[in-house]
C-alpha atoms as a PDB file:
ATOM      1  CA  MET A   1     -21.404  12.212   4.966  1.00  0.00           C
ATOM      2  CA  THR A   2     -19.395  11.886   8.163  1.00  0.00           C
ATOM      3  CA  PRO A   3     -16.967  14.804   8.598  1.00  0.00           C
ATOM      4  CA  PRO A   4     -13.413  13.473   8.231  1.00  0.00           C
ATOM      5  CA  LYS A   5     -11.065  13.319  11.194  1.00  0.00           C
ATOM      6  CA  ARG A   6      -7.409  14.243  10.986  1.00  0.00           C
ATOM      7  CA  MET A   7      -5.958  12.578   7.880  1.00  0.00           C
ATOM      8  CA  THR A   8      -2.584  11.710   6.496  1.00  0.00           C
ATOM      9  CA  GLU A   9      -1.465  13.746   3.492  1.00  0.00           C
ATOM     10  CA  LYS A  10      -2.203  10.912   1.062  1.00  0.00           C
ATOM     11  CA  SER A  11      -5.635  10.218   2.535  1.00  0.00           C
ATOM     12  CA  ARG A  12      -6.437  13.919   2.374  1.00  0.00           C
ATOM     13  CA  ARG A  13      -5.529  14.039  -1.322  1.00  0.00           C
ATOM     14  CA  VAL A  14      -7.629  10.955  -2.114  1.00  0.00           C
ATOM     15  CA  TYR A  15     -10.590  12.309  -0.131  1.00  0.00           C
ATOM     16  CA  ALA A  16     -10.355  15.687  -1.906  1.00  0.00           C
ATOM     17  CA  ALA A  17     -10.320  13.937  -5.286  1.00  0.00           C
ATOM     18  CA  LEU A  18     -13.369  11.866  -4.346  1.00  0.00           C
ATOM     19  CA  LEU A  19     -15.231  15.024  -3.365  1.00  0.00           C
ATOM     20  CA  ALA A  20     -14.217  16.845  -6.541  1.00  0.00           C
ATOM     21  CA  ARG A  21     -15.072  13.991  -8.909  1.00  0.00           C
ATOM     22  CA  GLY A  22     -18.471  13.184  -7.374  1.00  0.00           C
ATOM     23  CA  GLU A  23     -20.324  10.447  -9.264  1.00  0.00           C
ATOM     24  CA  GLN A  24     -17.513  10.250 -11.829  1.00  0.00           C
ATOM     25  CA  GLY A  25     -15.267   8.793  -9.149  1.00  0.00           C
ATOM     26  CA  ILE A  26     -11.526   8.151  -9.207  1.00  0.00           C
ATOM     27  CA  THR A  27      -9.367   5.364 -10.623  1.00  0.00           C
ATOM     28  CA  ARG A  28      -5.819   4.121 -10.043  1.00  0.00           C
ATOM     29  CA  GLU A  29      -4.713   6.073 -13.105  1.00  0.00           C
ATOM     30  CA  ASP A  30      -5.695   9.335 -11.376  1.00  0.00           C
ATOM     31  CA  PHE A  31      -2.817   8.882  -8.922  1.00  0.00           C
ATOM     32  CA  ASP A  32      -0.310   7.179 -11.203  1.00  0.00           C
ATOM     33  CA  GLY A  33       2.214   9.155 -13.246  1.00  0.00           C
ATOM     34  CA  THR A  34       0.759  12.631 -13.769  1.00  0.00           C
ATOM     35  CA  THR A  35      -1.739  12.723 -10.920  1.00  0.00           C
ATOM     36  CA  ILE A  36      -5.148  14.349 -10.828  1.00  0.00           C
ATOM     37  CA  ASP A  37      -4.014  16.925  -8.271  1.00  0.00           C
ATOM     38  CA  GLY A  38      -0.465  17.456  -9.500  1.00  0.00           C
ATOM     39  CA  GLY A  39       1.065  15.807  -6.443  1.00  0.00           C
ATOM     40  CA  PRO A  40       3.390  12.791  -6.299  1.00  0.00           C
ATOM     41  CA  PRO A  41       1.974   9.382  -7.329  1.00  0.00           C
ATOM     42  CA  ILE A  42       0.173   7.241  -4.765  1.00  0.00           C
ATOM     43  CA  ARG A  43       1.126   3.635  -5.426  1.00  0.00           C
ATOM     44  CA  SER A  44      -1.122   2.165  -2.721  1.00  0.00           C
ATOM     45  CA  LEU A  45      -4.430   3.786  -3.601  1.00  0.00           C
ATOM     46  CA  THR A  46      -6.390   0.776  -2.353  1.00  0.00           C
ATOM     47  CA  ALA A  47      -4.733   1.119   1.060  1.00  0.00           C
ATOM     48  CA  GLU A  48      -5.718   4.793   1.249  1.00  0.00           C
ATOM     49  CA  ILE A  49      -9.307   3.928   0.263  1.00  0.00           C
ATOM     50  CA  THR A  50      -9.373   1.269   2.985  1.00  0.00           C
ATOM     51  CA  ARG A  51      -7.958   3.738   5.495  1.00  0.00           C
ATOM     52  CA  LEU A  52     -10.659   6.287   4.639  1.00  0.00           C
ATOM     53  CA  ARG A  53     -13.351   3.645   5.033  1.00  0.00           C
ATOM     54  CA  GLN A  54     -12.110   2.243   8.332  1.00  0.00           C
ATOM     55  CA  GLU A  55     -10.444   5.146  10.117  1.00  0.00           C
ATOM     56  CA  GLN A  56     -12.575   7.973   8.712  1.00  0.00           C
ATOM     57  CA  ASN A  57     -15.827   6.010   8.326  1.00  0.00           C
ATOM     58  CA  GLN A  58     -16.269   7.345   4.788  1.00  0.00           C
ATOM     59  CA  PRO A  59     -18.879   5.588   2.592  1.00  0.00           C
ATOM     60  CA  ILE A  60     -16.687   4.836  -0.420  1.00  0.00           C
ATOM     61  CA  VAL A  61     -17.968   2.237  -2.886  1.00  0.00           C
ATOM     62  CA  PHE A  62     -16.414   0.602  -5.928  1.00  0.00           C
ATOM     63  CA  ASP A  63     -18.310   0.629  -9.216  1.00  0.00           C
ATOM     64  CA  LYS A  64     -17.348  -2.564 -11.063  1.00  0.00           C
ATOM     65  CA  ARG A  65     -18.897  -1.492 -14.344  1.00  0.00           C
ATOM     66  CA  GLY A  66     -16.986   1.778 -14.448  1.00  0.00           C
ATOM     67  CA  ASN A  67     -13.974   0.414 -12.526  1.00  0.00           C
ATOM     68  CA  PHE A  68     -13.775   3.426 -10.194  1.00  0.00           C
ATOM     69  CA  TRP A  69     -14.300   4.409  -6.544  1.00  0.00           C
ATOM     70  CA  GLN A  70     -16.814   7.053  -5.587  1.00  0.00           C
ATOM     71  CA  LEU A  71     -17.915   8.766  -2.405  1.00  0.00           C
ATOM     72  CA  THR A  72     -21.575   8.267  -1.595  1.00  0.00           C
ATOM     73  CA  THR A  73     -23.805   8.548   1.507  1.00  0.00           C
ATOM     74  CA  GLN A  74     -24.021   6.126   4.393  1.00  0.00           C
ATOM     75  CA  GLU A  75     -27.634   5.367   3.449  1.00  0.00           C
ATOM     76  CA  LYS A  76     -26.829   4.541  -0.172  1.00  0.00           C
ATOM     77  CA  ALA A  77     -23.787   2.506   0.797  1.00  0.00           C
ATOM     78  CA  ALA A  78     -25.893   0.434   3.206  1.00  0.00           C
ATOM     79  CA  LYS A  79     -28.458  -0.320   0.477  1.00  0.00           C
ATOM     80  CA  ARG A  80     -25.896  -1.690  -1.959  1.00  0.00           C
ATOM     81  CA  PRO A  81     -26.292  -5.466  -2.324  1.00  0.00           C
ATOM     82  CA  ARG A  82     -23.390  -7.438  -0.932  1.00  0.00           C
ATOM     83  CA  ARG A  83     -22.025 -10.328  -2.964  1.00  0.00           C
ATOM     84  CA  ARG A  84     -22.388 -13.639  -1.175  1.00  0.00           C
ATOM     85  CA  ARG A  85     -19.093 -15.454  -1.144  1.00  0.00           C
ATOM     86  CA  ALA A  86     -19.019 -19.025  -2.335  1.00  0.00           C
ATOM     87  CA  LYS A  87     -18.545 -21.458   0.536  1.00  0.00           C
ATOM     88  CA  LYS A  88     -15.903 -23.609  -1.083  1.00  0.00           C
ATOM     89  CA  GLY A  89     -12.824 -25.317   0.185  1.00  0.00           C
ATOM     90  CA  PRO A  90      -9.427 -23.601   0.276  1.00  0.00           C
ATOM     91  CA  LYS A  91      -7.642 -23.098  -3.003  1.00  0.00           C
ATOM     92  CA  GLU A  92      -4.506 -21.438  -4.272  1.00  0.00           C
ATOM     93  CA  ARG A  93      -4.810 -17.771  -5.180  1.00  0.00           C
ATOM     94  CA  PRO A  94      -3.128 -16.417  -8.304  1.00  0.00           C
ATOM     95  CA  TYR A  95      -1.337 -13.721  -6.300  1.00  0.00           C
ATOM     96  CA  THR A  96       0.416 -16.218  -4.016  1.00  0.00           C
ATOM     97  CA  PRO A  97       1.565 -19.060  -6.284  1.00  0.00           C
ATOM     98  CA  ARG A  98       3.548 -21.892  -4.770  1.00  0.00           C
ATOM     99  CA  SER A  99       6.230 -21.280  -7.383  1.00  0.00           C
ATOM    100  CA  ARG A 100       7.065 -17.967  -5.722  1.00  0.00           C
ATOM    101  CA  VAL A 101       7.681 -19.695  -2.399  1.00  0.00           C
ATOM    102  CA  GLU A 102       9.911 -22.276  -4.050  1.00  0.00           C
ATOM    103  CA  GLU A 103      11.799 -19.562  -5.940  1.00  0.00           C
ATOM    104  CA  LEU A 104      12.492 -17.613  -2.748  1.00  0.00           C
ATOM    105  CA  LYS A 105      13.510 -20.810  -0.961  1.00  0.00           C
ATOM    106  CA  GLU A 106      16.033 -21.684  -3.671  1.00  0.00           C
ATOM    107  CA  ARG A 107      17.427 -18.154  -3.773  1.00  0.00           C
ATOM    108  CA  ALA A 108      17.858 -18.133   0.013  1.00  0.00           C
ATOM    109  CA  LYS A 109      19.944 -21.341  -0.196  1.00  0.00           C
ATOM    110  CA  LYS A 110      22.431 -19.611  -2.508  1.00  0.00           C
ATOM    111  CA  GLU A 111      22.742 -16.484  -0.363  1.00  0.00           C
ATOM    112  CA  SER A 112      24.120 -15.774   3.085  1.00  0.00           C
ATOM    113  CA  GLY A 113      24.017 -13.115   5.744  1.00  0.00           C
ATOM    114  CA  GLU A 114      21.340 -10.436   5.952  1.00  0.00           C
ATOM    115  CA  TYR A 115      20.116 -10.925   2.381  1.00  0.00           C
ATOM    116  CA  ALA A 116      19.344 -14.601   3.074  1.00  0.00           C
ATOM    117  CA  LYS A 117      17.330 -13.515   6.125  1.00  0.00           C
ATOM    118  CA  TRP A 118      15.462 -11.002   3.958  1.00  0.00           C
ATOM    119  CA  LEU A 119      14.539 -13.696   1.423  1.00  0.00           C
ATOM    120  CA  ALA A 120      13.393 -16.040   4.198  1.00  0.00           C
ATOM    121  CA  LYS A 121      11.148 -13.340   5.630  1.00  0.00           C
ATOM    122  CA  ARG A 122       9.736 -12.613   2.171  1.00  0.00           C
ATOM    123  CA  ARG A 123       8.861 -16.292   1.862  1.00  0.00           C
ATOM    124  CA  SER A 124       7.013 -16.191   5.179  1.00  0.00           C
ATOM    125  CA  VAL A 125       5.001 -13.190   3.910  1.00  0.00           C
ATOM    126  CA  VAL A 126       3.955 -15.126   0.805  1.00  0.00           C
ATOM    127  CA  ASN A 127       2.982 -18.113   2.965  1.00  0.00           C
ATOM    128  CA  PHE A 128       0.991 -15.805   5.230  1.00  0.00           C
ATOM    129  CA  ALA A 129      -0.949 -14.401   2.261  1.00  0.00           C
ATOM    130  CA  ARG A 130      -1.767 -17.928   1.106  1.00  0.00           C
ATOM    131  CA  SER A 131      -2.879 -18.957   4.591  1.00  0.00           C
ATOM    132  CA  VAL A 132      -5.236 -15.979   4.847  1.00  0.00           C
ATOM    133  CA  ALA A 133      -6.663 -16.768   1.402  1.00  0.00           C
ATOM    134  CA  GLN A 134      -7.217 -20.388   2.442  1.00  0.00           C
ATOM    135  CA  ILE A 135      -8.822 -19.660   5.798  1.00  0.00           C
ATOM    136  CA  GLU A 136     -11.470 -17.404   4.204  1.00  0.00           C
ATOM    137  CA  PRO A 137     -13.660 -20.293   2.904  1.00  0.00           C
ATOM    138  CA  MET A 138     -12.808 -22.413   5.959  1.00  0.00           C
ATOM    139  CA  ILE A 139     -14.584 -19.860   8.159  1.00  0.00           C
ATOM    140  CA  PHE A 140     -17.878 -21.188   6.743  1.00  0.00           C
ATOM    141  CA  TRP A 141     -17.138 -24.782   7.712  1.00  0.00           C
ATOM    142  CA  LYS A 142     -19.682 -26.005  10.267  1.00  0.00           C
ATOM    143  CA  HIS A 143     -16.860 -27.626  12.241  1.00  0.00           C
ATOM    144  CA  ALA A 144     -15.151 -24.245  12.751  1.00  0.00           C
ATOM    145  CA  PRO A 145     -16.103 -23.218  16.343  1.00  0.00           C
ATOM    146  CA  ASP A 146     -17.811 -19.819  16.449  1.00  0.00           C
ATOM    147  CA  ASP A 147     -15.751 -18.731  19.465  1.00  0.00           C
ATOM    148  CA  GLU A 148     -12.566 -19.381  17.494  1.00  0.00           C
ATOM    149  CA  ILE A 149     -13.946 -17.319  14.607  1.00  0.00           C
ATOM    150  CA  SER A 150     -13.870 -14.353  16.967  1.00  0.00           C
ATOM    151  CA  ASP A 151     -10.291 -15.226  17.885  1.00  0.00           C
ATOM    152  CA  VAL A 152      -9.357 -15.384  14.197  1.00  0.00           C
ATOM    153  CA  MET A 153     -10.925 -11.969  13.661  1.00  0.00           C
ATOM    154  CA  GLY A 154      -8.685 -10.544  16.371  1.00  0.00           C
ATOM    155  CA  GLU A 155      -5.628 -12.220  14.894  1.00  0.00           C
ATOM    156  CA  LEU A 156      -6.466 -10.928  11.411  1.00  0.00           C
ATOM    157  CA  LEU A 157      -6.925  -7.411  12.773  1.00  0.00           C
ATOM    158  CA  ASP A 158      -3.504  -7.616  14.403  1.00  0.00           C
ATOM    159  CA  ALA A 159      -2.097  -8.799  11.080  1.00  0.00           C
ATOM    160  CA  TYR A 160      -3.892  -5.984   9.252  1.00  0.00           C
ATOM    161  CA  GLU A 161      -2.265  -3.389  11.519  1.00  0.00           C
ATOM    162  CA  ALA A 162       1.145  -4.990  10.935  1.00  0.00           C
ATOM    163  CA  VAL A 163       0.573  -5.054   7.165  1.00  0.00           C
ATOM    164  CA  THR A 164      -0.490  -1.401   7.198  1.00  0.00           C
ATOM    165  CA  ARG A 165       2.695  -0.423   9.025  1.00  0.00           C
ATOM    166  CA  ALA A 166       4.823  -2.506   6.656  1.00  0.00           C
ATOM    167  CA  LEU A 167       3.178  -0.889   3.610  1.00  0.00           C
ATOM    168  CA  ALA A 168       3.794   2.562   5.079  1.00  0.00           C
ATOM    169  CA  ALA A 169       7.440   1.643   5.745  1.00  0.00           C
ATOM    170  CA  ALA A 170       7.827   0.403   2.162  1.00  0.00           C
ATOM    171  CA  GLU A 171       6.454   3.690   0.832  1.00  0.00           C
ATOM    172  CA  VAL A 172       8.896   5.665   2.992  1.00  0.00           C
ATOM    173  CA  ARG A 173      11.801   3.537   1.740  1.00  0.00           C
ATOM    174  CA  LEU A 174      10.851   4.063  -1.917  1.00  0.00           C
ATOM    175  CA  ASP A 175      10.412   7.802  -1.342  1.00  0.00           C
ATOM    176  CA  ASP A 176      13.847   7.910   0.311  1.00  0.00           C
ATOM    177  CA  GLU A 177      15.379   6.064  -2.644  1.00  0.00           C
ATOM    178  CA  ARG A 178      13.928   8.649  -5.022  1.00  0.00           C
ATOM    179  CA  THR A 179      15.256  11.445  -2.801  1.00  0.00           C
ATOM    180  CA  LYS A 180      18.706   9.822  -2.795  1.00  0.00           C
ATOM    181  CA  GLU A 181      18.651   9.662  -6.594  1.00  0.00           C
ATOM    182  CA  THR A 182      17.584  13.303  -6.820  1.00  0.00           C
ATOM    183  CA  ILE A 183      20.442  14.374  -4.537  1.00  0.00           C
ATOM    184  CA  ALA A 184      22.945  12.327  -6.537  1.00  0.00           C
ATOM    185  CA  ASN A 185      21.777  13.979  -9.760  1.00  0.00           C
ATOM    186  CA  MET A 186      22.141  17.419  -8.184  1.00  0.00           C
ATOM    187  CA  ILE A 187      25.813  16.680  -7.507  1.00  0.00           C
ATOM    188  CA  GLU A 188      26.735  14.591 -10.555  1.00  0.00           C
ATOM    189  CA  ASN A 189      24.977  16.640 -13.249  1.00  0.00           C
ATOM    190  CA  THR A 190      27.631  19.308 -13.831  1.00  0.00           C
ATOM    191  CA  ARG A 191      27.275  19.628 -17.576  1.00  0.00           C
ATOM    192  CA  GLY A 192      26.907  23.238 -18.690  1.00  0.00           C
ATOM    193  CA  ARG A 193      27.221  24.608 -15.138  1.00  0.00           C
ATOM    194  CA  THR A 194      29.666  27.177 -13.865  1.00  0.00           C
ATOM    195  CA  GLU A 195      31.884  26.469 -10.865  1.00  0.00           C
ATOM    196  CA  TYR A 196      29.632  28.717  -8.774  1.00  0.00           C
ATOM    197  CA  GLU A 197      26.517  26.783  -9.851  1.00  0.00           C
ATOM    198  CA  ILE A 198      28.214  23.445  -9.118  1.00  0.00           C
ATOM    199  CA  ALA A 199      29.224  24.615  -5.639  1.00  0.00           C
ATOM    200  CA  ALA A 200      25.710  25.919  -4.988  1.00  0.00           C
ATOM    201  CA  ALA A 201      24.186  22.609  -6.128  1.00  0.00           C
ATOM    202  CA  LYS A 202      26.475  20.649  -3.792  1.00  0.00           C
ATOM    203  CA  LYS A 203      25.553  22.888  -0.873  1.00  0.00           C
ATOM    204  CA  LEU A 204      21.861  22.504  -1.624  1.00  0.00           C
ATOM    205  CA  ALA A 205      22.285  18.727  -1.939  1.00  0.00           C
ATOM    206  CA  THR A 206      23.985  18.613   1.475  1.00  0.00           C
ATOM    207  CA  LEU A 207      21.099  20.523   3.060  1.00  0.00           C
ATOM    208  CA  LYS A 208      18.538  18.316   1.334  1.00  0.00           C
ATOM    209  CA  ARG A 209      20.311  15.153   2.496  1.00  0.00           C
ATOM    210  CA  ALA A 210      20.406  16.370   6.095  1.00  0.00           C
ATOM    211  CA  LYS A 211      16.729  17.310   6.016  1.00  0.00           C
ATOM    212  CA  ALA A 212      15.643  14.066   4.376  1.00  0.00           C
ATOM    213  CA  ASP A 213      17.334  11.842   7.010  1.00  0.00           C
ATOM    214  CA  ILE A 214      18.382   9.118   4.571  1.00  0.00           C
ATOM    215  CA  SER A 215      21.783   8.345   6.058  1.00  0.00           C
ATOM    216  CA  TYR A 216      20.760   4.668   6.401  1.00  0.00           C
ATOM    217  CA  LEU A 217      20.938   4.381   2.582  1.00  0.00           C
ATOM    218  CA  ARG A 218      24.607   5.331   2.347  1.00  0.00           C
END
């Protein structure tokens, strides 16, 4: 196996779990709720697997029968048969239904200001996902110029980098929301505490808030 380069904390945890589990592999449940390593949940396990494959060049394969990922060797990964995709025309995907676009469009009409802009941008993300799903079979059309296929690859890679950054930003936001809730509980939960303990909790909450840098959530 290729020695891993410098990893993010989440990638390191996933890689360590893959090594520890061996042929047994890991599943989404291993990093949901009470995690396999005792750390916080990882809600984007697929993204971390993808990151390990692409950035760390790790031969991670998915076992459909057992519904788990496992770390193997480059040689074994190369020998695995690849499923040939059906060369069919574009079709709607279940994860980007048109109804979602219409719902967001109607909601945006009833709103104003920054929230309306947020809903409009969400709609463009859904449309983008549908477009990517539709262009996949179109790549096999004989009328699709091969030089433009290369251009599309570059455009998709740019989009992939943007999606990766957006996913990371979403994770940071959700982590910050949980931190904000924790700080609020430290201050508001005064039941059964002495005045000294309440004062100490408030001081600790102030330090935690300053360290967490979540002032944008106030």
